[in-house]
PDB file of N, CA and C in Angstrom:
ATOM      1  N   MET A   1       0.838  -1.156   0.000  1.00  0.00           N
ATOM      2  CA  MET A   1       0.000   0.000   0.000  1.00  0.00           C
ATOM      3  C   MET A   1       0.898   1.237   0.000  1.00  0.00           C
ATOM      4  N   PRO A   2       0.533   2.117  -0.856  1.00  0.00           N
ATOM      5  CA  PRO A   2       1.376   3.322  -0.953  1.00  0.00           C
ATOM      6  C   PRO A   2       1.109   4.269   0.213  1.00  0.00           C
ATOM      7  N   VAL A   3       2.140   4.864   0.663  1.00  0.00           N
ATOM      8  CA  VAL A   3       2.043   5.783   1.802  1.00  0.00           C
ATOM      9  C   VAL A   3       1.847   7.195   1.252  1.00  0.00           C
ATOM     10  N   ASP A   4       0.813   7.846   1.764  1.00  0.00           N
ATOM     11  CA  ASP A   4       0.539   9.229   1.342  1.00  0.00           C
ATOM     12  C   ASP A   4       1.290  10.152   2.291  1.00  0.00           C
ATOM     13  N   ARG A   5       2.457  10.500   1.864  1.00  0.00           N
ATOM     14  CA  ARG A   5       3.322  11.305   2.731  1.00  0.00           C
ATOM     15  C   ARG A   5       2.776  12.734   2.908  1.00  0.00           C
ATOM     16  N   THR A   6       2.121  13.264   1.926  1.00  0.00           N
ATOM     17  CA  THR A   6       1.569  14.612   2.035  1.00  0.00           C
ATOM     18  C   THR A   6       0.500  14.635   3.103  1.00  0.00           C
ATOM     19  N   ALA A   7      -0.377  13.625   3.072  1.00  0.00           N
ATOM     20  CA  ALA A   7      -1.445  13.576   4.072  1.00  0.00           C
ATOM     21  C   ALA A   7      -0.843  13.336   5.440  1.00  0.00           C
ATOM     22  N   GLU A   8       0.162  12.535   5.493  1.00  0.00           N
ATOM     23  CA  GLU A   8       0.814  12.261   6.758  1.00  0.00           C
ATOM     24  C   GLU A   8       1.489  13.525   7.293  1.00  0.00           C
ATOM     25  N   SER A   9       2.168  14.281   6.441  1.00  0.00           N
ATOM     26  CA  SER A   9       2.823  15.519   6.858  1.00  0.00           C
ATOM     27  C   SER A   9       1.785  16.543   7.305  1.00  0.00           C
ATOM     28  N   ALA A  10       0.701  16.625   6.552  1.00  0.00           N
ATOM     29  CA  ALA A  10      -0.353  17.585   6.903  1.00  0.00           C
ATOM     30  C   ALA A  10      -0.970  17.208   8.236  1.00  0.00           C
ATOM     31  N   ALA A  11      -1.167  15.924   8.459  1.00  0.00           N
ATOM     32  CA  ALA A  11      -1.744  15.490   9.723  1.00  0.00           C
ATOM     33  C   ALA A  11      -0.791  15.776  10.865  1.00  0.00           C
ATOM     34  N   GLY A  12       0.502  15.667  10.619  1.00  0.00           N
ATOM     35  CA  GLY A  12       1.484  15.937  11.660  1.00  0.00           C
ATOM     36  C   GLY A  12       1.608  17.425  11.966  1.00  0.00           C
ATOM     37  N   LEU A  13       1.342  18.241  10.962  1.00  0.00           N
ATOM     38  CA  LEU A  13       1.446  19.694  11.147  1.00  0.00           C
ATOM     39  C   LEU A  13       0.138  20.320  11.625  1.00  0.00           C
ATOM     40  N   ALA A  14      -0.935  19.579  11.605  1.00  0.00           N
ATOM     41  CA  ALA A  14      -2.244  20.119  12.000  1.00  0.00           C
ATOM     42  C   ALA A  14      -2.205  20.733  13.396  1.00  0.00           C
ATOM     43  N   PRO A  15      -1.602  20.103  14.411  1.00  0.00           N
ATOM     44  CA  PRO A  15      -1.572  20.755  15.721  1.00  0.00           C
ATOM     45  C   PRO A  15      -0.750  22.063  15.706  1.00  0.00           C
ATOM     46  N   VAL A  16       0.314  22.078  14.891  1.00  0.00           N
ATOM     47  CA  VAL A  16       1.123  23.298  14.794  1.00  0.00           C
ATOM     48  C   VAL A  16       0.303  24.408  14.154  1.00  0.00           C
ATOM     49  N   PHE A  17      -0.422  24.073  13.068  1.00  0.00           N
ATOM     50  CA  PHE A  17      -1.275  25.081  12.418  1.00  0.00           C
ATOM     51  C   PHE A  17      -2.385  25.548  13.354  1.00  0.00           C
ATOM     52  N   ALA A  18      -2.909  24.635  14.159  1.00  0.00           N
ATOM     53  CA  ALA A  18      -3.945  25.015  15.130  1.00  0.00           C
ATOM     54  C   ALA A  18      -3.358  25.998  16.138  1.00  0.00           C
ATOM     55  N   LEU A  19      -2.146  25.720  16.617  1.00  0.00           N
ATOM     56  CA  LEU A  19      -1.475  26.644  17.542  1.00  0.00           C
ATOM     57  C   LEU A  19      -1.218  27.989  16.869  1.00  0.00           C
ATOM     58  N   LEU A  20      -0.781  27.955  15.595  1.00  0.00           N
ATOM     59  CA  LEU A  20      -0.539  29.199  14.869  1.00  0.00           C
ATOM     60  C   LEU A  20      -1.831  29.994  14.695  1.00  0.00           C
ATOM     61  N   ALA A  21      -2.937  29.319  14.469  1.00  0.00           N
ATOM     62  CA  ALA A  21      -4.228  30.001  14.337  1.00  0.00           C
ATOM     63  C   ALA A  21      -4.572  30.689  15.648  1.00  0.00           C
ATOM     64  N   ASP A  22      -4.328  29.974  16.777  1.00  0.00           N
ATOM     65  CA  ASP A  22      -4.588  30.593  18.082  1.00  0.00           C
ATOM     66  C   ASP A  22      -3.683  31.817  18.298  1.00  0.00           C
ATOM     67  N   VAL A  23      -2.415  31.670  17.926  1.00  0.00           N
ATOM     68  CA  VAL A  23      -1.471  32.783  18.081  1.00  0.00           C
ATOM     69  C   VAL A  23      -1.888  33.945  17.197  1.00  0.00           C
ATOM     70  N   GLU A  24      -2.305  33.643  15.968  1.00  0.00           N
ATOM     71  CA  GLU A  24      -2.747  34.705  15.059  1.00  0.00           C
ATOM     72  C   GLU A  24      -3.988  35.402  15.613  1.00  0.00           C
ATOM     73  N   HIS A  25      -4.907  34.651  16.181  1.00  0.00           N
ATOM     74  CA  HIS A  25      -6.106  35.232  16.790  1.00  0.00           C
ATOM     75  C   HIS A  25      -5.708  36.133  17.971  1.00  0.00           C
ATOM     76  N   GLU A  26      -4.785  35.654  18.787  1.00  0.00           N
ATOM     77  CA  GLU A  26      -4.313  36.471  19.914  1.00  0.00           C
ATOM     78  C   GLU A  26      -3.612  37.735  19.411  1.00  0.00           C
ATOM     79  N   ALA A  27      -2.870  37.614  18.334  1.00  0.00           N
ATOM     80  CA  ALA A  27      -2.192  38.784  17.762  1.00  0.00           C
ATOM     81  C   ALA A  27      -3.214  39.805  17.277  1.00  0.00           C
ATOM     82  N   VAL A  28      -4.290  39.354  16.671  1.00  0.00           N
ATOM     83  CA  VAL A  28      -5.356  40.267  16.224  1.00  0.00           C
ATOM     84  C   VAL A  28      -5.956  40.979  17.431  1.00  0.00           C
ATOM     85  N   ILE A  29      -6.228  40.237  18.492  1.00  0.00           N
ATOM     86  CA  ILE A  29      -6.806  40.830  19.707  1.00  0.00           C
ATOM     87  C   ILE A  29      -5.828  41.854  20.299  1.00  0.00           C
ATOM     88  N   ILE A  30      -4.545  41.488  20.352  1.00  0.00           N
ATOM     89  CA  ILE A  30      -3.527  42.407  20.901  1.00  0.00           C
ATOM     90  C   ILE A  30      -3.453  43.674  20.047  1.00  0.00           C
ATOM     91  N   ARG A  31      -3.476  43.519  18.704  1.00  0.00           N
ATOM     92  CA  ARG A  31      -3.455  44.695  17.826  1.00  0.00           C
ATOM     93  C   ARG A  31      -4.688  45.566  18.046  1.00  0.00           C
ATOM     94  N   GLU A  32      -5.842  44.950  18.172  1.00  0.00           N
ATOM     95  CA  GLU A  32      -7.077  45.717  18.389  1.00  0.00           C
ATOM     96  C   GLU A  32      -7.019  46.463  19.726  1.00  0.00           C
ATOM     97  N   ARG A  33      -6.566  45.754  20.770  1.00  0.00           N
ATOM     98  CA  ARG A  33      -6.433  46.416  22.077  1.00  0.00           C
ATOM     99  C   ARG A  33      -5.412  47.554  22.019  1.00  0.00           C
ATOM    100  N   GLY A  34      -4.300  47.309  21.340  1.00  0.00           N
ATOM    101  CA  GLY A  34      -3.272  48.338  21.183  1.00  0.00           C
ATOM    102  C   GLY A  34      -3.820  49.543  20.429  1.00  0.00           C
ATOM    103  N   ALA A  35      -4.573  49.294  19.360  1.00  0.00           N
ATOM    104  CA  ALA A  35      -5.154  50.392  18.590  1.00  0.00           C
ATOM    105  C   ALA A  35      -6.137  51.177  19.453  1.00  0.00           C
ATOM    106  N   GLU A  36      -6.952  50.489  20.245  1.00  0.00           N
ATOM    107  CA  GLU A  36      -7.907  51.172  21.136  1.00  0.00           C
ATOM    108  C   GLU A  36      -7.166  51.963  22.207  1.00  0.00           C
ATOM    109  N   ALA A  37      -6.122  51.369  22.776  1.00  0.00           N
ATOM    110  CA  ALA A  37      -5.332  52.088  23.786  1.00  0.00           C
ATOM    111  C   ALA A  37      -4.695  53.321  23.160  1.00  0.00           C
ATOM    112  N   ALA A  38      -4.213  53.191  21.932  1.00  0.00           N
ATOM    113  CA  ALA A  38      -3.612  54.344  21.244  1.00  0.00           C
ATOM    114  C   ALA A  38      -4.661  55.417  20.993  1.00  0.00           C
ATOM    115  N   ARG A  39      -5.863  55.030  20.563  1.00  0.00           N
ATOM    116  CA  ARG A  39      -6.945  56.010  20.353  1.00  0.00           C
ATOM    117  C   ARG A  39      -7.281  56.728  21.653  1.00  0.00           C
ATOM    118  N   GLN A  40      -7.342  55.947  22.737  1.00  0.00           N
ATOM    119  CA  GLN A  40      -7.649  56.564  24.036  1.00  0.00           C
ATOM    120  C   GLN A  40      -6.541  57.531  24.460  1.00  0.00           C
ATOM    121  N   ARG A  41      -5.298  57.140  24.243  1.00  0.00           N
ATOM    122  CA  ARG A  41      -4.184  58.027  24.610  1.00  0.00           C
ATOM    123  C   ARG A  41      -4.196  59.300  23.767  1.00  0.00           C
ATOM    124  N   VAL A  42      -4.493  59.160  22.490  1.00  0.00           N
ATOM    125  CA  VAL A  42      -4.582  60.346  21.622  1.00  0.00           C
ATOM    126  C   VAL A  42      -5.709  61.259  22.112  1.00  0.00           C
ATOM    127  N   GLU A  43      -6.848  60.679  22.434  1.00  0.00           N
ATOM    128  CA  GLU A  43      -7.983  61.480  22.933  1.00  0.00           C
ATOM    129  C   GLU A  43      -7.624  62.167  24.253  1.00  0.00           C
ATOM    130  N   THR A  44      -6.967  61.426  25.140  1.00  0.00           N
ATOM    131  CA  THR A  44      -6.533  62.016  26.413  1.00  0.00           C
ATOM    132  C   THR A  44      -5.544  63.146  26.164  1.00  0.00           C
ATOM    133  N   ALA A  45      -4.617  62.936  25.254  1.00  0.00           N
ATOM    134  CA  ALA A  45      -3.630  63.970  24.929  1.00  0.00           C
ATOM    135  C   ALA A  45      -4.311  65.189  24.322  1.00  0.00           C
ATOM    136  N   ARG A  46      -5.276  64.978  23.443  1.00  0.00           N
ATOM    137  CA  ARG A  46      -6.020  66.111  22.855  1.00  0.00           C
ATOM    138  C   ARG A  46      -6.759  66.894  23.935  1.00  0.00           C
ATOM    139  N   ASN A  47      -7.408  66.180  24.831  1.00  0.00           N
ATOM    140  CA  ASN A  47      -8.135  66.866  25.916  1.00  0.00           C
ATOM    141  C   ASN A  47      -7.177  67.646  26.812  1.00  0.00           C
ATOM    142  N   LEU A  48      -6.045  67.024  27.125  1.00  0.00           N
ATOM    143  CA  LEU A  48      -5.048  67.708  27.955  1.00  0.00           C
ATOM    144  C   LEU A  48      -4.514  68.945  27.240  1.00  0.00           C
ATOM    145  N   ALA A  49      -4.215  68.805  25.959  1.00  0.00           N
ATOM    146  CA  ALA A  49      -3.713  69.940  25.180  1.00  0.00           C
ATOM    147  C   ALA A  49      -4.751  71.056  25.134  1.00  0.00           C
ATOM    148  N   ALA A  50      -6.012  70.713  24.928  1.00  0.00           N
ATOM    149  CA  ALA A  50      -7.069  71.724  24.895  1.00  0.00           C
ATOM    150  C   ALA A  50      -7.176  72.423  26.242  1.00  0.00           C
ATOM    151  N   SER A  51      -7.045  71.664  27.310  1.00  0.00           N
ATOM    152  CA  SER A  51      -7.094  72.243  28.654  1.00  0.00           C
ATOM    153  C   SER A  51      -5.917  73.181  28.885  1.00  0.00           C
ATOM    154  N   ILE A  52      -4.735  72.768  28.455  1.00  0.00           N
ATOM    155  CA  ILE A  52      -3.531  73.598  28.617  1.00  0.00           C
ATOM    156  C   ILE A  52      -3.687  74.892  27.819  1.00  0.00           C
ATOM    157  N   VAL A  53      -4.184  74.786  26.594  1.00  0.00           N
ATOM    158  CA  VAL A  53      -4.372  75.978  25.753  1.00  0.00           C
ATOM    159  C   VAL A  53      -5.404  76.905  26.386  1.00  0.00           C
ATOM    160  N   ALA A  54      -6.510  76.355  26.859  1.00  0.00           N
ATOM    161  CA  ALA A  54      -7.542  77.189  27.485  1.00  0.00           C
ATOM    162  C   ALA A  54      -6.993  77.893  28.720  1.00  0.00           C
ATOM    163  N   ASP A  55      -6.221  77.162  29.520  1.00  0.00           N
ATOM    164  CA  ASP A  55      -5.616  77.760  30.713  1.00  0.00           C
ATOM    165  C   ASP A  55      -4.643  78.867  30.328  1.00  0.00           C
ATOM    166  N   ALA A  56      -3.846  78.613  29.310  1.00  0.00           N
ATOM    167  CA  ALA A  56      -2.883  79.627  28.852  1.00  0.00           C
ATOM    168  C   ALA A  56      -3.608  80.857  28.316  1.00  0.00           C
ATOM    169  N   GLU A  57      -4.693  80.653  27.600  1.00  0.00           N
ATOM    170  CA  GLU A  57      -5.470  81.791  27.089  1.00  0.00           C
ATOM    171  C   GLU A  57      -6.057  82.595  28.245  1.00  0.00           C
ATOM    172  N   ASP A  58      -6.562  81.907  29.260  1.00  0.00           N
ATOM    173  CA  ASP A  58      -7.101  82.607  30.434  1.00  0.00           C
ATOM    174  C   ASP A  58      -6.007  83.417  31.123  1.00  0.00           C
ATOM    175  N   ARG A  59      -4.852  82.786  31.310  1.00  0.00           N
ATOM    176  CA  ARG A  59      -3.746  83.497  31.974  1.00  0.00           C
ATOM    177  C   ARG A  59      -3.264  84.660  31.115  1.00  0.00           C
ATOM    178  N   ALA A  60      -3.213  84.471  29.808  1.00  0.00           N
ATOM    179  CA  ALA A  60      -2.782  85.551  28.912  1.00  0.00           C
ATOM    180  C   ALA A  60      -3.759  86.718  28.993  1.00  0.00           C
ATOM    181  N   ALA A  61      -5.044  86.431  29.053  1.00  0.00           N
ATOM    182  CA  ALA A  61      -6.038  87.501  29.176  1.00  0.00           C
ATOM    183  C   ALA A  61      -5.846  88.245  30.492  1.00  0.00           C
ATOM    184  N   ALA A  62      -5.566  87.520  31.548  1.00  0.00           N
ATOM    185  CA  ALA A  62      -5.350  88.166  32.850  1.00  0.00           C
ATOM    186  C   ALA A  62      -4.086  89.019  32.819  1.00  0.00           C
ATOM    187  N   VAL A  63      -3.039  88.530  32.175  1.00  0.00           N
ATOM    188  CA  VAL A  63      -1.791  89.290  32.076  1.00  0.00           C
ATOM    189  C   VAL A  63      -2.019  90.550  31.243  1.00  0.00           C
ATOM    190  N   ARG A  64      -2.759  90.409  30.114  1.00  0.00           N
ATOM    191  CA  ARG A  64      -3.060  91.581  29.294  1.00  0.00           C
ATOM    192  C   ARG A  64      -3.865  92.603  30.084  1.00  0.00           C
ATOM    193  N   ALA A  65      -4.852  92.148  30.853  1.00  0.00           N
ATOM    194  CA  ALA A  65      -5.668  93.063  31.650  1.00  0.00           C
ATOM    195  C   ALA A  65      -4.821  93.772  32.701  1.00  0.00           C
ATOM    196  N   ALA A  66      -3.926  93.036  33.345  1.00  0.00           N
ATOM    197  CA  ALA A  66      -3.052  93.646  34.359  1.00  0.00           C
ATOM    198  C   ALA A  66      -2.122  94.670  33.714  1.00  0.00           C
ATOM    199  N   ALA A  67      -1.584  94.339  32.551  1.00  0.00           N
ATOM    200  CA  ALA A  67      -0.687  95.270  31.853  1.00  0.00           C
ATOM    201  C   ALA A  67      -1.453  96.517  31.421  1.00  0.00           C
ATOM    202  N   ALA A  68      -2.671  96.339  30.952  1.00  0.00           N
ATOM    203  CA  ALA A  68      -3.479  97.491  30.545  1.00  0.00           C
ATOM    204  C   ALA A  68      -3.796  98.372  31.752  1.00  0.00           C
ATOM    205  N   ALA A  69      -4.129  97.754  32.875  1.00  0.00           N
ATOM    206  CA  ALA A  69      -4.420  98.525  34.090  1.00  0.00           C
ATOM    207  C   ALA A  69      -3.177  99.288  34.550  1.00  0.00           C
ATOM    208  N   GLU A  70      -2.029  98.644  34.488  1.00  0.00           N
ATOM    209  CA  GLU A  70      -0.785  99.306  34.893  1.00  0.00           C
ATOM    210  C   GLU A  70      -0.470 100.479  33.958  1.00  0.00           C
ATOM    211  N   THR A  71      -0.665 100.277  32.670  1.00  0.00           N
ATOM    212  CA  THR A  71      -0.433 101.344  31.699  1.00  0.00           C
ATOM    213  C   THR A  71      -1.385 102.507  31.939  1.00  0.00           C
ATOM    214  N   LEU A  72      -2.640 102.187  32.211  1.00  0.00           N
ATOM    215  CA  LEU A  72      -3.619 103.230  32.498  1.00  0.00           C
ATOM    216  C   LEU A  72      -3.244 103.994  33.765  1.00  0.00           C
ATOM    217  N   ASN A  73      -2.830 103.282  34.794  1.00  0.00           N
ATOM    218  CA  ASN A  73      -2.398 103.941  36.033  1.00  0.00           C
ATOM    219  C   ASN A  73      -1.197 104.847  35.781  1.00  0.00           C
ATOM    220  N   ASP A  74      -0.235 104.372  34.999  1.00  0.00           N
ATOM    221  CA  ASP A  74       0.931 105.191  34.660  1.00  0.00           C
ATOM    222  C   ASP A  74       0.496 106.454  33.923  1.00  0.00           C
ATOM    223  N   ALA A  75      -0.407 106.285  32.970  1.00  0.00           N
ATOM    224  CA  ALA A  75      -0.882 107.437  32.197  1.00  0.00           C
ATOM    225  C   ALA A  75      -1.620 108.426  33.102  1.00  0.00           C
ATOM    226  N   GLU A  76      -2.412 107.916  34.027  1.00  0.00           N
ATOM    227  CA  GLU A  76      -3.133 108.805  34.947  1.00  0.00           C
ATOM    228  C   GLU A  76      -2.162 109.549  35.857  1.00  0.00           C
ATOM    229  N   ARG A  77      -1.127 108.860  36.338  1.00  0.00           N
ATOM    230  CA  ARG A  77      -0.121 109.530  37.173  1.00  0.00           C
ATOM    231  C   ARG A  77       0.624 110.595  36.368  1.00  0.00           C
ATOM    232  N   THR A  78       0.967 110.273  35.131  1.00  0.00           N
ATOM    233  CA  THR A  78       1.653 111.236  34.273  1.00  0.00           C
ATOM    234  C   THR A  78       0.764 112.450  34.021  1.00  0.00           C
ATOM    235  N   ALA A  79      -0.505 112.208  33.709  1.00  0.00           N
ATOM    236  CA  ALA A  79      -1.437 113.305  33.453  1.00  0.00           C
ATOM    237  C   ALA A  79      -1.603 114.167  34.698  1.00  0.00           C
ATOM    238  N   ALA A  80      -1.691 113.534  35.854  1.00  0.00           N
ATOM    239  CA  ALA A  80      -1.832 114.289  37.105  1.00  0.00           C
ATOM    240  C   ALA A  80      -0.585 115.141  37.348  1.00  0.00           C
ATOM    241  N   GLY A  81       0.584 114.589  37.090  1.00  0.00           N
ATOM    242  CA  GLY A  81       1.829 115.333  37.260  1.00  0.00           C
ATOM    243  C   GLY A  81       1.899 116.517  36.301  1.00  0.00           C
ATOM    244  N   LEU A  82       1.510 116.282  35.051  1.00  0.00           N
ATOM    245  CA  LEU A  82       1.508 117.374  34.073  1.00  0.00           C
ATOM    246  C   LEU A  82       0.511 118.452  34.467  1.00  0.00           C
ATOM    247  N   ALA A  83      -0.652 118.059  34.926  1.00  0.00           N
ATOM    248  CA  ALA A  83      -1.662 119.036  35.350  1.00  0.00           C
ATOM    249  C   ALA A  83      -1.154 119.843  36.542  1.00  0.00           C
ATOM    250  N   ALA A  84      -0.497 119.198  37.482  1.00  0.00           N
ATOM    251  CA  ALA A  84       0.034 119.900  38.652  1.00  0.00           C
ATOM    252  C   ALA A  84       1.119 120.890  38.222  1.00  0.00           C
ATOM    253  N   ARG A  85       2.013 120.451  37.330  1.00  0.00           N
ATOM    254  CA  ARG A  85       3.058 121.367  36.855  1.00  0.00           C
ATOM    255  C   ARG A  85       2.456 122.535  36.073  1.00  0.00           C
ATOM    256  N   GLY A  86       1.433 122.262  35.289  1.00  0.00           N
ATOM    257  CA  GLY A  86       0.750 123.319  34.549  1.00  0.00           C
ATOM    258  C   GLY A  86       0.098 124.316  35.496  1.00  0.00           C
ATOM    259  N   GLN A  87      -0.505 123.787  36.540  1.00  0.00           N
ATOM    260  CA  GLN A  87      -1.141 124.649  37.549  1.00  0.00           C
ATOM    261  C   GLN A  87      -0.082 125.519  38.242  1.00  0.00           C
ATOM    262  N   GLU A  88       1.056 124.918  38.559  1.00  0.00           N
ATOM    263  CA  GLU A  88       2.137 125.676  39.194  1.00  0.00           C
ATOM    264  C   GLU A  88       2.635 126.794  38.279  1.00  0.00           C
ATOM    265  N   ARG A  89       2.789 126.489  36.998  1.00  0.00           N
ATOM    266  CA  ARG A  89       3.236 127.522  36.050  1.00  0.00           C
ATOM    267  C   ARG A  89       2.203 128.623  35.932  1.00  0.00           C
ATOM    268  N   ALA A  90       0.947 128.254  35.863  1.00  0.00           N
ATOM    269  CA  ALA A  90      -0.122 129.266  35.757  1.00  0.00           C
ATOM    270  C   ALA A  90      -0.112 130.158  36.991  1.00  0.00           C
ATOM    271  N   THR A  91       0.099 129.562  38.153  1.00  0.00           N
ATOM    272  CA  THR A  91       0.158 130.350  39.392  1.00  0.00           C
ATOM    273  C   THR A  91       1.342 131.317  39.343  1.00  0.00           C
ATOM    274  N   ARG A  92       2.512 130.839  38.906  1.00  0.00           N
ATOM    275  CA  ARG A  92       3.691 131.716  38.813  1.00  0.00           C
ATOM    276  C   ARG A  92       3.450 132.852  37.817  1.00  0.00           C
ATOM    277  N   ILE A  93       2.813 132.547  36.694  1.00  0.00           N
ATOM    278  CA  ILE A  93       2.527 133.574  35.690  1.00  0.00           C
ATOM    279  C   ILE A  93       1.559 134.615  36.260  1.00  0.00           C
ATOM    280  N   ARG A  94       0.513 134.152  36.959  1.00  0.00           N
ATOM    281  CA  ARG A  94      -0.436 135.084  37.593  1.00  0.00           C
ATOM    282  C   ARG A  94       0.281 135.968  38.607  1.00  0.00           C
ATOM    283  N   GLU A  95       1.135 135.339  39.414  1.00  0.00           N
ATOM    284  CA  GLU A  95       1.876 136.113  40.418  1.00  0.00           C
ATOM    285  C   GLU A  95       2.788 137.140  39.753  1.00  0.00           C
ATOM    286  N   LEU A  96       3.464 136.734  38.694  1.00  0.00           N
ATOM    287  CA  LEU A  96       4.343 137.647  37.970  1.00  0.00           C
ATOM    288  C   LEU A  96       3.532 138.784  37.346  1.00  0.00           C
ATOM    289  N   ALA A  97       2.407 138.443  36.732  1.00  0.00           N
ATOM    290  CA  ALA A  97       1.558 139.467  36.122  1.00  0.00           C
ATOM    291  C   ALA A  97       1.039 140.427  37.179  1.00  0.00           C
ATOM    292  N   THR A  98       0.629 139.871  38.307  1.00  0.00           N
ATOM    293  CA  THR A  98       0.122 140.717  39.392  1.00  0.00           C
ATOM    294  C   THR A  98       1.227 141.641  39.896  1.00  0.00           C
ATOM    295  N   ALA A  99       2.425 141.118  40.017  1.00  0.00           N
ATOM    296  CA  ALA A  99       3.539 141.922  40.505  1.00  0.00           C
ATOM    297  C   ALA A  99       3.942 142.985  39.485  1.00  0.00           C
ATOM    298  N   ARG A 100       3.848 142.692  38.196  1.00  0.00           N
ATOM    299  CA  ARG A 100       4.296 143.623  37.160  1.00  0.00           C
ATOM    300  C   ARG A 100       3.209 144.593  36.730  1.00  0.00           C
ATOM    301  N   THR A 101       1.965 144.322  37.033  1.00  0.00           N
ATOM    302  CA  THR A 101       0.873 145.178  36.565  1.00  0.00           C
ATOM    303  C   THR A 101       1.026 146.629  37.013  1.00  0.00           C
ATOM    304  N   PRO A 102       1.301 146.928  38.285  1.00  0.00           N
ATOM    305  CA  PRO A 102       1.435 148.342  38.653  1.00  0.00           C
ATOM    306  C   PRO A 102       2.548 149.047  37.875  1.00  0.00           C
ATOM    307  N   ALA A 103       3.671 148.415  37.720  1.00  0.00           N
ATOM    308  CA  ALA A 103       4.777 149.038  36.991  1.00  0.00           C
ATOM    309  C   ALA A 103       4.404 149.239  35.529  1.00  0.00           C
ATOM    310  N   LEU A 104       3.757 148.250  34.936  1.00  0.00           N
ATOM    311  CA  LEU A 104       3.349 148.376  33.535  1.00  0.00           C
ATOM    312  C   LEU A 104       2.284 149.457  33.379  1.00  0.00           C
ATOM    313  N   ALA A 105       1.367 149.517  34.341  1.00  0.00           N
ATOM    314  CA  ALA A 105       0.331 150.551  34.284  1.00  0.00           C
ATOM    315  C   ALA A 105       0.967 151.922  34.405  1.00  0.00           C
ATOM    316  N   ASP A 106       1.924 152.050  35.330  1.00  0.00           N
ATOM    317  CA  ASP A 106       2.622 153.324  35.472  1.00  0.00           C
ATOM    318  C   ASP A 106       3.348 153.673  34.178  1.00  0.00           C
ATOM    319  N   ARG A 107       3.997 152.717  33.593  1.00  0.00           N
ATOM    320  CA  ARG A 107       4.739 152.957  32.346  1.00  0.00           C
ATOM    321  C   ARG A 107       3.776 153.368  31.243  1.00  0.00           C
ATOM    322  N   ALA A 108       2.638 152.681  31.140  1.00  0.00           N
ATOM    323  CA  ALA A 108       1.643 153.028  30.123  1.00  0.00           C
ATOM    324  C   ALA A 108       1.114 154.438  30.357  1.00  0.00           C
ATOM    325  N   LEU A 109       0.831 154.756  31.604  1.00  0.00           N
ATOM    326  CA  LEU A 109       0.324 156.088  31.928  1.00  0.00           C
ATOM    327  C   LEU A 109       1.374 157.144  31.586  1.00  0.00           C
ATOM    328  N   THR A 110       2.620 156.858  31.900  1.00  0.00           N
ATOM    329  CA  THR A 110       3.698 157.800  31.588  1.00  0.00           C
ATOM    330  C   THR A 110       3.797 158.011  30.084  1.00  0.00           C
ATOM    331  N   LEU A 111       3.772 156.924  29.323  1.00  0.00           N
ATOM    332  CA  LEU A 111       3.853 157.030  27.874  1.00  0.00           C
ATOM    333  C   LEU A 111       2.669 157.809  27.313  1.00  0.00           C
ATOM    334  N   LEU A 112       1.498 157.528  27.855  1.00  0.00           N
ATOM    335  CA  LEU A 112       0.299 158.219  27.402  1.00  0.00           C
ATOM    336  C   LEU A 112       0.384 159.701  27.742  1.00  0.00           C
ATOM    337  N   THR A 113       0.796 159.981  28.957  1.00  0.00           N
ATOM    338  CA  THR A 113       0.923 161.373  29.392  1.00  0.00           C
ATOM    339  C   THR A 113       1.953 162.083  28.537  1.00  0.00           C
ATOM    340  N   ASP A 114       3.093 161.444  28.301  1.00  0.00           N
ATOM    341  CA  ASP A 114       4.128 162.048  27.467  1.00  0.00           C
ATOM    342  C   ASP A 114       3.612 162.287  26.055  1.00  0.00           C
ATOM    343  N   ALA A 115       2.866 161.357  25.536  1.00  0.00           N
ATOM    344  CA  ALA A 115       2.330 161.503  24.183  1.00  0.00           C
ATOM    345  C   ALA A 115       1.353 162.671  24.122  1.00  0.00           C
ATOM    346  N   VAL A 116       0.489 162.764  25.115  1.00  0.00           N
ATOM    347  CA  VAL A 116      -0.500 163.851  25.146  1.00  0.00           C
ATOM    348  C   VAL A 116       0.234 165.181  25.305  1.00  0.00           C
ATOM    349  N   THR A 117       1.190 165.223  26.194  1.00  0.00           N
ATOM    350  CA  THR A 117       1.958 166.450  26.432  1.00  0.00           C
ATOM    351  C   THR A 117       2.692 166.848  25.159  1.00  0.00           C
ATOM    352  N   SER A 118       3.298 165.909  24.491  1.00  0.00           N
ATOM    353  CA  SER A 118       4.044 166.179  23.268  1.00  0.00           C
ATOM    354  C   SER A 118       3.110 166.698  22.186  1.00  0.00           C
ATOM    355  N   ARG A 119       1.963 166.144  22.099  1.00  0.00           N
ATOM    356  CA  ARG A 119       0.997 166.575  21.077  1.00  0.00           C
ATOM    357  C   ARG A 119       0.494 167.974  21.402  1.00  0.00           C
ATOM    358  N   SER A 120       0.319 168.232  22.720  1.00  0.00           N
ATOM    359  CA  SER A 120      -0.162 169.567  23.127  1.00  0.00           C
ATOM    360  C   SER A 120       0.887 170.620  22.776  1.00  0.00           C
ATOM    361  N   ARG A 121       2.141 170.289  23.010  1.00  0.00           N
ATOM    362  CA  ARG A 121       3.210 171.225  22.699  1.00  0.00           C
ATOM    363  C   ARG A 121       3.324 171.463  21.218  1.00  0.00           C
ATOM    364  N   ASP A 122       3.049 170.431  20.455  1.00  0.00           N
ATOM    365  CA  ASP A 122       3.156 170.534  18.999  1.00  0.00           C
ATOM    366  C   ASP A 122       1.897 171.176  18.409  1.00  0.00           C
ATOM    367  N   GLY A 123       0.918 171.444  19.245  1.00  0.00           N
ATOM    368  CA  GLY A 123      -0.324 172.065  18.808  1.00  0.00           C
ATOM    369  C   GLY A 123      -1.284 171.103  18.165  1.00  0.00           C
ATOM    370  N   VAL A 124      -1.115 169.852  18.411  1.00  0.00           N
ATOM    371  CA  VAL A 124      -2.031 168.851  17.868  1.00  0.00           C
ATOM    372  C   VAL A 124      -3.062 168.534  18.924  1.00  0.00           C
ATOM    373  N   ARG A 125      -4.300 168.550  18.514  1.00  0.00           N
ATOM    374  CA  ARG A 125      -5.352 168.252  19.466  1.00  0.00           C
ATOM    375  C   ARG A 125      -5.914 166.925  19.263  1.00  0.00           C
TER     376      ARG A 125
END
């Protein structure tokens, strides 16, 4: 009787192929679990990144508001200082004008009197 070596070899390898099928099935499960774990990690990373960006935007808005308030305060202090210096100059000018007014009035009166006197002498009315 002839020996069917192919059938015999296939029968001998059947348990190995069965084990390989189990290993291949486990590999598919491991790949699927790995892909799901990777999707979850990507989603977690996206959520974390969005949270970090939102927090940074909030902090940036607070920093901008603080800088604007500081700039406004500086401008108000500068304006107050300029107004005070302007007031001081106006006071000095008023004081100077008040002090010089009698002398200027006397000078004007003298000039006017001299002009009238000169015209009277010249016969101009």
